PDB file of N, CA and C in Angstrom:
ATOM      1  N   MET A   1       0.703  -1.090   0.132  1.00  0.00           N
ATOM      2  CA  MET A   1       0.066   0.031  -0.194  1.00  0.00           C
ATOM      3  C   MET A   1       0.860   1.174   0.241  1.00  0.00           C
ATOM      4  N   ASP A   2       0.708   2.060  -0.984  1.00  0.00           N
ATOM      5  CA  ASP A   2       1.632   3.065  -0.856  1.00  0.00           C
ATOM      6  C   ASP A   2       0.690   4.379  -0.390  1.00  0.00           C
ATOM      7  N   HIS A   3       1.670   5.275   0.276  1.00  0.00           N
ATOM      8  CA  HIS A   3       1.065   6.380   1.018  1.00  0.00           C
ATOM      9  C   HIS A   3       1.634   7.600   0.287  1.00  0.00           C
ATOM     10  N   PHE A   4       0.910   8.591   0.232  1.00  0.00           N
ATOM     11  CA  PHE A   4       1.092   9.791  -0.533  1.00  0.00           C
ATOM     12  C   PHE A   4       1.296  11.220   0.393  1.00  0.00           C
ATOM     13  N   THR A   5       2.160  11.935   0.406  1.00  0.00           N
ATOM     14  CA  THR A   5       2.464  13.178   1.330  1.00  0.00           C
ATOM     15  C   THR A   5       1.595  14.253   0.458  1.00  0.00           C
ATOM     16  N   PRO A   6       1.347  15.313   1.052  1.00  0.00           N
ATOM     17  CA  PRO A   6       0.692  16.389   0.358  1.00  0.00           C
ATOM     18  C   PRO A   6       1.272  16.931  -1.014  1.00  0.00           C
ATOM     19  N   PHE A   7       2.668  16.621  -1.051  1.00  0.00           N
ATOM     20  CA  PHE A   7       3.450  17.170  -2.153  1.00  0.00           C
ATOM     21  C   PHE A   7       3.295  15.851  -3.092  1.00  0.00           C
ATOM     22  N   SER A   8       2.812  15.009  -3.057  1.00  0.00           N
ATOM     23  CA  SER A   8       2.656  14.001  -3.998  1.00  0.00           C
ATOM     24  C   SER A   8       4.337  12.878  -3.951  1.00  0.00           C
ATOM     25  N   ALA A   9       4.752  13.066  -2.941  1.00  0.00           N
ATOM     26  CA  ALA A   9       5.816  12.193  -3.009  1.00  0.00           C
ATOM     27  C   ALA A   9       5.488  10.873  -2.382  1.00  0.00           C
ATOM     28  N   ARG A  10       6.083   9.868  -3.028  1.00  0.00           N
ATOM     29  CA  ARG A  10       5.738   8.339  -2.351  1.00  0.00           C
ATOM     30  C   ARG A  10       6.687   8.183  -1.335  1.00  0.00           C
ATOM     31  N   VAL A  11       5.856   7.730  -0.429  1.00  0.00           N
ATOM     32  CA  VAL A  11       6.572   7.208   0.965  1.00  0.00           C
ATOM     33  C   VAL A  11       6.353   5.548   1.136  1.00  0.00           C
ATOM     34  N   GLU A  12       7.533   4.916   1.523  1.00  0.00           N
ATOM     35  CA  GLU A  12       7.574   3.555   1.228  1.00  0.00           C
ATOM     36  C   GLU A  12       6.997   3.286   2.696  1.00  0.00           C
ATOM     37  N   PRO A  13       6.100   2.177   2.446  1.00  0.00           N
ATOM     38  CA  PRO A  13       5.569   1.532   3.974  1.00  0.00           C
ATOM     39  C   PRO A  13       6.438   1.273   4.804  1.00  0.00           C
ATOM     40  N   LEU A  14       6.234   1.299   6.070  1.00  0.00           N
ATOM     41  CA  LEU A  14       7.051   0.477   7.101  1.00  0.00           C
ATOM     42  C   LEU A  14       7.143  -0.878   6.904  1.00  0.00           C
ATOM     43  N   ARG A  15       8.297  -1.619   7.135  1.00  0.00           N
ATOM     44  CA  ARG A  15       8.182  -3.018   7.266  1.00  0.00           C
ATOM     45  C   ARG A  15       8.042  -3.508   8.910  1.00  0.00           C
ATOM     46  N   VAL A  16       7.095  -4.430   8.410  1.00  0.00           N
ATOM     47  CA  VAL A  16       6.838  -5.074  10.091  1.00  0.00           C
ATOM     48  C   VAL A  16       7.609  -6.131  10.322  1.00  0.00           C
ATOM     49  N   ILE A  17       8.133  -6.049  11.575  1.00  0.00           N
ATOM     50  CA  ILE A  17       8.874  -7.198  11.971  1.00  0.00           C
ATOM     51  C   ILE A  17       8.597  -7.802  12.983  1.00  0.00           C
ATOM     52  N   PRO A  18       7.974  -9.041  12.771  1.00  0.00           N
ATOM     53  CA  PRO A  18       7.132  -9.860  13.596  1.00  0.00           C
ATOM     54  C   PRO A  18       8.185 -10.379  14.802  1.00  0.00           C
ATOM     55  N   LEU A  19       7.505 -10.109  16.089  1.00  0.00           N
ATOM     56  CA  LEU A  19       8.265 -10.685  17.432  1.00  0.00           C
ATOM     57  C   LEU A  19       7.685 -11.674  17.847  1.00  0.00           C
ATOM     58  N   SER A  20       8.418 -12.462  18.739  1.00  0.00           N
ATOM     59  CA  SER A  20       7.909 -13.495  19.292  1.00  0.00           C
ATOM     60  C   SER A  20       7.671 -13.233  20.587  1.00  0.00           C
ATOM     61  N   ARG A  21       6.560 -13.720  21.080  1.00  0.00           N
ATOM     62  CA  ARG A  21       6.117 -13.292  22.347  1.00  0.00           C
ATOM     63  C   ARG A  21       6.308 -14.356  23.230  1.00  0.00           C
ATOM     64  N   PRO A  22       6.937 -13.961  24.499  1.00  0.00           N
ATOM     65  CA  PRO A  22       7.281 -15.051  25.723  1.00  0.00           C
ATOM     66  C   PRO A  22       6.108 -15.920  26.213  1.00  0.00           C
ATOM     67  N   PRO A  23       6.198 -16.786  26.527  1.00  0.00           N
ATOM     68  CA  PRO A  23       4.759 -17.127  27.160  1.00  0.00           C
ATOM     69  C   PRO A  23       4.435 -16.639  28.425  1.00  0.00           C
ATOM     70  N   ARG A  24       3.179 -16.273  28.612  1.00  0.00           N
ATOM     71  CA  ARG A  24       2.497 -15.533  29.776  1.00  0.00           C
ATOM     72  C   ARG A  24       1.968 -16.451  30.716  1.00  0.00           C
ATOM     73  N   ALA A  25       2.064 -16.262  32.102  1.00  0.00           N
ATOM     74  CA  ALA A  25       1.589 -16.941  33.121  1.00  0.00           C
ATOM     75  C   ALA A  25      -0.048 -16.662  33.099  1.00  0.00           C
ATOM     76  N   PRO A  26      -0.696 -17.665  33.323  1.00  0.00           N
ATOM     77  CA  PRO A  26      -2.220 -17.529  33.408  1.00  0.00           C
ATOM     78  C   PRO A  26      -2.509 -16.394  34.710  1.00  0.00           C
ATOM     79  N   PHE A  27      -3.616 -15.557  34.854  1.00  0.00           N
ATOM     80  CA  PHE A  27      -3.819 -14.770  35.604  1.00  0.00           C
ATOM     81  C   PHE A  27      -4.280 -15.149  37.039  1.00  0.00           C
ATOM     82  N   TRP A  28      -4.826 -16.436  36.941  1.00  0.00           N
ATOM     83  CA  TRP A  28      -4.794 -17.011  38.424  1.00  0.00           C
ATOM     84  C   TRP A  28      -3.775 -17.278  39.158  1.00  0.00           C
ATOM     85  N   LEU A  29      -2.801 -17.681  38.371  1.00  0.00           N
ATOM     86  CA  LEU A  29      -1.121 -17.895  39.028  1.00  0.00           C
ATOM     87  C   LEU A  29      -0.605 -16.591  39.446  1.00  0.00           C
ATOM     88  N   VAL A  30      -0.946 -15.473  38.780  1.00  0.00           N
ATOM     89  CA  VAL A  30      -0.296 -14.299  38.934  1.00  0.00           C
ATOM     90  C   VAL A  30      -1.098 -13.527  40.289  1.00  0.00           C
ATOM     91  N   ALA A  31      -2.112 -13.956  40.200  1.00  0.00           N
ATOM     92  CA  ALA A  31      -3.009 -13.510  41.498  1.00  0.00           C
ATOM     93  C   ALA A  31      -2.885 -14.271  42.809  1.00  0.00           C
ATOM     94  N   LEU A  32      -2.607 -15.444  42.586  1.00  0.00           N
ATOM     95  CA  LEU A  32      -2.052 -16.297  43.772  1.00  0.00           C
ATOM     96  C   LEU A  32      -0.752 -15.951  44.298  1.00  0.00           C
ATOM     97  N   ILE A  33       0.084 -15.912  43.510  1.00  0.00           N
ATOM     98  CA  ILE A  33       1.648 -15.299  44.007  1.00  0.00           C
ATOM     99  C   ILE A  33       1.397 -13.921  44.560  1.00  0.00           C
ATOM    100  N   CYS A  34       0.732 -13.048  44.022  1.00  0.00           N
ATOM    101  CA  CYS A  34       0.652 -11.757  44.441  1.00  0.00           C
ATOM    102  C   CYS A  34      -0.001 -11.843  45.942  1.00  0.00           C
ATOM    103  N   SER A  35      -1.185 -12.340  46.067  1.00  0.00           N
ATOM    104  CA  SER A  35      -1.784 -12.640  47.497  1.00  0.00           C
ATOM    105  C   SER A  35      -1.052 -13.355  48.354  1.00  0.00           C
ATOM    106  N   MET A  36      -0.496 -14.292  47.744  1.00  0.00           N
ATOM    107  CA  MET A  36       0.486 -14.974  48.803  1.00  0.00           C
ATOM    108  C   MET A  36       1.701 -14.209  49.373  1.00  0.00           C
ATOM    109  N   SER A  37       2.186 -13.058  48.590  1.00  0.00           N
ATOM    110  CA  SER A  37       3.332 -12.371  48.945  1.00  0.00           C
ATOM    111  C   SER A  37       2.861 -11.212  50.034  1.00  0.00           C
ATOM    112  N   TRP A  38       1.541 -10.901  49.809  1.00  0.00           N
ATOM    113  CA  TRP A  38       1.025  -9.729  50.629  1.00  0.00           C
ATOM    114  C   TRP A  38       0.676 -10.577  51.946  1.00  0.00           C
ATOM    115  N   ALA A  39       0.190 -11.562  51.856  1.00  0.00           N
ATOM    116  CA  ALA A  39      -0.016 -12.312  53.323  1.00  0.00           C
ATOM    117  C   ALA A  39       1.281 -12.646  53.967  1.00  0.00           C
ATOM    118  N   MET A  40       2.098 -12.929  53.412  1.00  0.00           N
ATOM    119  CA  MET A  40       3.664 -13.446  53.812  1.00  0.00           C
ATOM    120  C   MET A  40       4.120 -11.899  54.355  1.00  0.00           C
ATOM    121  N   ALA A  41       3.984 -10.895  53.753  1.00  0.00           N
ATOM    122  CA  ALA A  41       4.573  -9.631  54.426  1.00  0.00           C
ATOM    123  C   ALA A  41       3.443  -8.905  55.605  1.00  0.00           C
ATOM    124  N   LEU A  42       2.132  -9.343  55.666  1.00  0.00           N
ATOM    125  CA  LEU A  42       1.466  -9.095  56.774  1.00  0.00           C
ATOM    126  C   LEU A  42       1.820 -10.097  57.960  1.00  0.00           C
ATOM    127  N   LEU A  43       1.953 -11.183  57.769  1.00  0.00           N
ATOM    128  CA  LEU A  43       2.349 -12.143  58.700  1.00  0.00           C
ATOM    129  C   LEU A  43       3.731 -11.845  59.288  1.00  0.00           C
ATOM    130  N   SER A  44       4.867 -11.473  58.538  1.00  0.00           N
ATOM    131  CA  SER A  44       6.118 -10.944  58.999  1.00  0.00           C
ATOM    132  C   SER A  44       5.893  -9.669  59.765  1.00  0.00           C
ATOM    133  N   LEU A  45       5.031  -8.759  59.265  1.00  0.00           N
ATOM    134  CA  LEU A  45       4.897  -7.436  60.052  1.00  0.00           C
ATOM    135  C   LEU A  45       4.190  -7.818  61.615  1.00  0.00           C
ATOM    136  N   LEU A  46       3.191  -8.690  61.453  1.00  0.00           N
ATOM    137  CA  LEU A  46       2.854  -9.421  63.143  1.00  0.00           C
ATOM    138  C   LEU A  46       3.721  -9.936  63.722  1.00  0.00           C
ATOM    139  N   ALA A  47       4.793 -10.790  63.162  1.00  0.00           N
ATOM    140  CA  ALA A  47       5.795 -11.718  63.847  1.00  0.00           C
ATOM    141  C   ALA A  47       6.743 -10.474  64.331  1.00  0.00           C
ATOM    142  N   LEU A  48       7.086  -9.362  63.430  1.00  0.00           N
ATOM    143  CA  LEU A  48       7.975  -8.337  64.286  1.00  0.00           C
ATOM    144  C   LEU A  48       7.429  -7.583  65.285  1.00  0.00           C
ATOM    145  N   GLY A  49       6.036  -7.408  65.218  1.00  0.00           N
ATOM    146  CA  GLY A  49       5.290  -6.589  66.381  1.00  0.00           C
ATOM    147  C   GLY A  49       5.062  -7.539  67.256  1.00  0.00           C
ATOM    148  N   VAL A  50       4.807  -8.711  67.363  1.00  0.00           N
ATOM    149  CA  VAL A  50       5.067  -9.553  69.004  1.00  0.00           C
ATOM    150  C   VAL A  50       6.150  -9.779  69.369  1.00  0.00           C
ATOM    151  N   SER A  51       7.233 -10.235  68.660  1.00  0.00           N
ATOM    152  CA  SER A  51       8.554  -9.961  68.969  1.00  0.00           C
ATOM    153  C   SER A  51       9.064  -8.851  69.766  1.00  0.00           C
ATOM    154  N   THR A  52       8.648  -7.884  69.140  1.00  0.00           N
ATOM    155  CA  THR A  52       8.874  -6.446  69.627  1.00  0.00           C
ATOM    156  C   THR A  52       8.157  -6.314  71.229  1.00  0.00           C
ATOM    157  N   TYR A  53       7.039  -6.915  71.211  1.00  0.00           N
ATOM    158  CA  TYR A  53       6.168  -6.660  72.423  1.00  0.00           C
ATOM    159  C   TYR A  53       7.007  -7.519  73.386  1.00  0.00           C
ATOM    160  N   HIS A  54       7.254  -8.695  73.005  1.00  0.00           N
ATOM    161  CA  HIS A  54       7.648  -9.456  73.758  1.00  0.00           C
ATOM    162  C   HIS A  54       9.327  -9.074  74.647  1.00  0.00           C
ATOM    163  N   GLY A  55      10.012  -8.451  73.469  1.00  0.00           N
ATOM    164  CA  GLY A  55      11.281  -7.828  73.987  1.00  0.00           C
ATOM    165  C   GLY A  55      11.093  -6.796  74.930  1.00  0.00           C
ATOM    166  N   LEU A  56      10.292  -6.067  74.457  1.00  0.00           N
ATOM    167  CA  LEU A  56       9.998  -4.873  75.493  1.00  0.00           C
ATOM    168  C   LEU A  56       9.453  -5.127  76.936  1.00  0.00           C
ATOM    169  N   SER A  57       8.695  -5.963  77.018  1.00  0.00           N
ATOM    170  CA  SER A  57       8.298  -6.629  78.142  1.00  0.00           C
ATOM    171  C   SER A  57       9.093  -7.355  79.103  1.00  0.00           C
ATOM    172  N   GLN A  58      10.093  -8.076  78.393  1.00  0.00           N
ATOM    173  CA  GLN A  58      11.221  -8.462  78.885  1.00  0.00           C
ATOM    174  C   GLN A  58      11.958  -7.634  79.733  1.00  0.00           C
ATOM    175  N   VAL A  59      12.303  -6.393  78.820  1.00  0.00           N
ATOM    176  CA  VAL A  59      13.284  -5.437  79.472  1.00  0.00           C
ATOM    177  C   VAL A  59      12.394  -4.969  80.748  1.00  0.00           C
ATOM    178  N   GLU A  60      11.326  -4.345  80.354  1.00  0.00           N
ATOM    179  CA  GLU A  60      10.396  -3.845  81.513  1.00  0.00           C
ATOM    180  C   GLU A  60      10.425  -4.590  82.872  1.00  0.00           C
ATOM    181  N   GLN A  61      10.388  -6.001  82.561  1.00  0.00           N
ATOM    182  CA  GLN A  61      10.435  -6.941  83.860  1.00  0.00           C
ATOM    183  C   GLN A  61      11.627  -6.654  84.281  1.00  0.00           C
ATOM    184  N   GLN A  62      12.668  -6.697  83.643  1.00  0.00           N
ATOM    185  CA  GLN A  62      14.231  -6.668  84.432  1.00  0.00           C
ATOM    186  C   GLN A  62      14.231  -5.329  85.127  1.00  0.00           C
ATOM    187  N   ILE A  63      13.765  -4.254  84.318  1.00  0.00           N
ATOM    188  CA  ILE A  63      13.627  -3.111  85.297  1.00  0.00           C
ATOM    189  C   ILE A  63      12.977  -2.965  86.622  1.00  0.00           C
ATOM    190  N   ALA A  64      11.795  -3.602  86.513  1.00  0.00           N
ATOM    191  CA  ALA A  64      11.114  -3.786  87.557  1.00  0.00           C
ATOM    192  C   ALA A  64      11.788  -4.642  88.629  1.00  0.00           C
ATOM    193  N   TRP A  65      12.477  -5.844  88.350  1.00  0.00           N
ATOM    194  CA  TRP A  65      13.174  -6.593  89.409  1.00  0.00           C
ATOM    195  C   TRP A  65      14.327  -5.695  89.810  1.00  0.00           C
ATOM    196  N   GLN A  66      14.936  -4.708  88.883  1.00  0.00           N
ATOM    197  CA  GLN A  66      16.245  -4.191  89.567  1.00  0.00           C
ATOM    198  C   GLN A  66      15.730  -3.117  90.714  1.00  0.00           C
ATOM    199  N   GLU A  67      14.549  -2.486  90.234  1.00  0.00           N
ATOM    200  CA  GLU A  67      14.071  -1.211  91.185  1.00  0.00           C
ATOM    201  C   GLU A  67      13.679  -1.923  92.500  1.00  0.00           C
ATOM    202  N   ARG A  68      13.378  -3.346  92.482  1.00  0.00           N
ATOM    203  CA  ARG A  68      12.718  -4.070  93.507  1.00  0.00           C
ATOM    204  C   ARG A  68      13.881  -4.329  94.644  1.00  0.00           C
ATOM    205  N   VAL A  69      15.260  -4.760  93.808  1.00  0.00           N
ATOM    206  CA  VAL A  69      16.146  -5.227  94.856  1.00  0.00           C
ATOM    207  C   VAL A  69      16.994  -3.774  95.485  1.00  0.00           C
TER     208      VAL A  69
END
C-alpha cells in the first residue's frame, strides 16, 4: 500500500518485524502469587510486632526487678 504526502511524494510503507511473544503466566497464577506475597508480608509484620512486644516486656520486667532489689 502506497502512501502519499501532500506534495505527491511517495513514502515507502514501514516493514513489520514480527516479534515472538514469551509465554505468559495465567492470571490465576499471578493473582495467587501476589496474594500470597501480601499475606507473607503481613504475617512478617505481625511477627515483628509480637517479638518487639515480648522483648519490651522482658526489658520492663528486668527494670522492675532491678528497682525491687
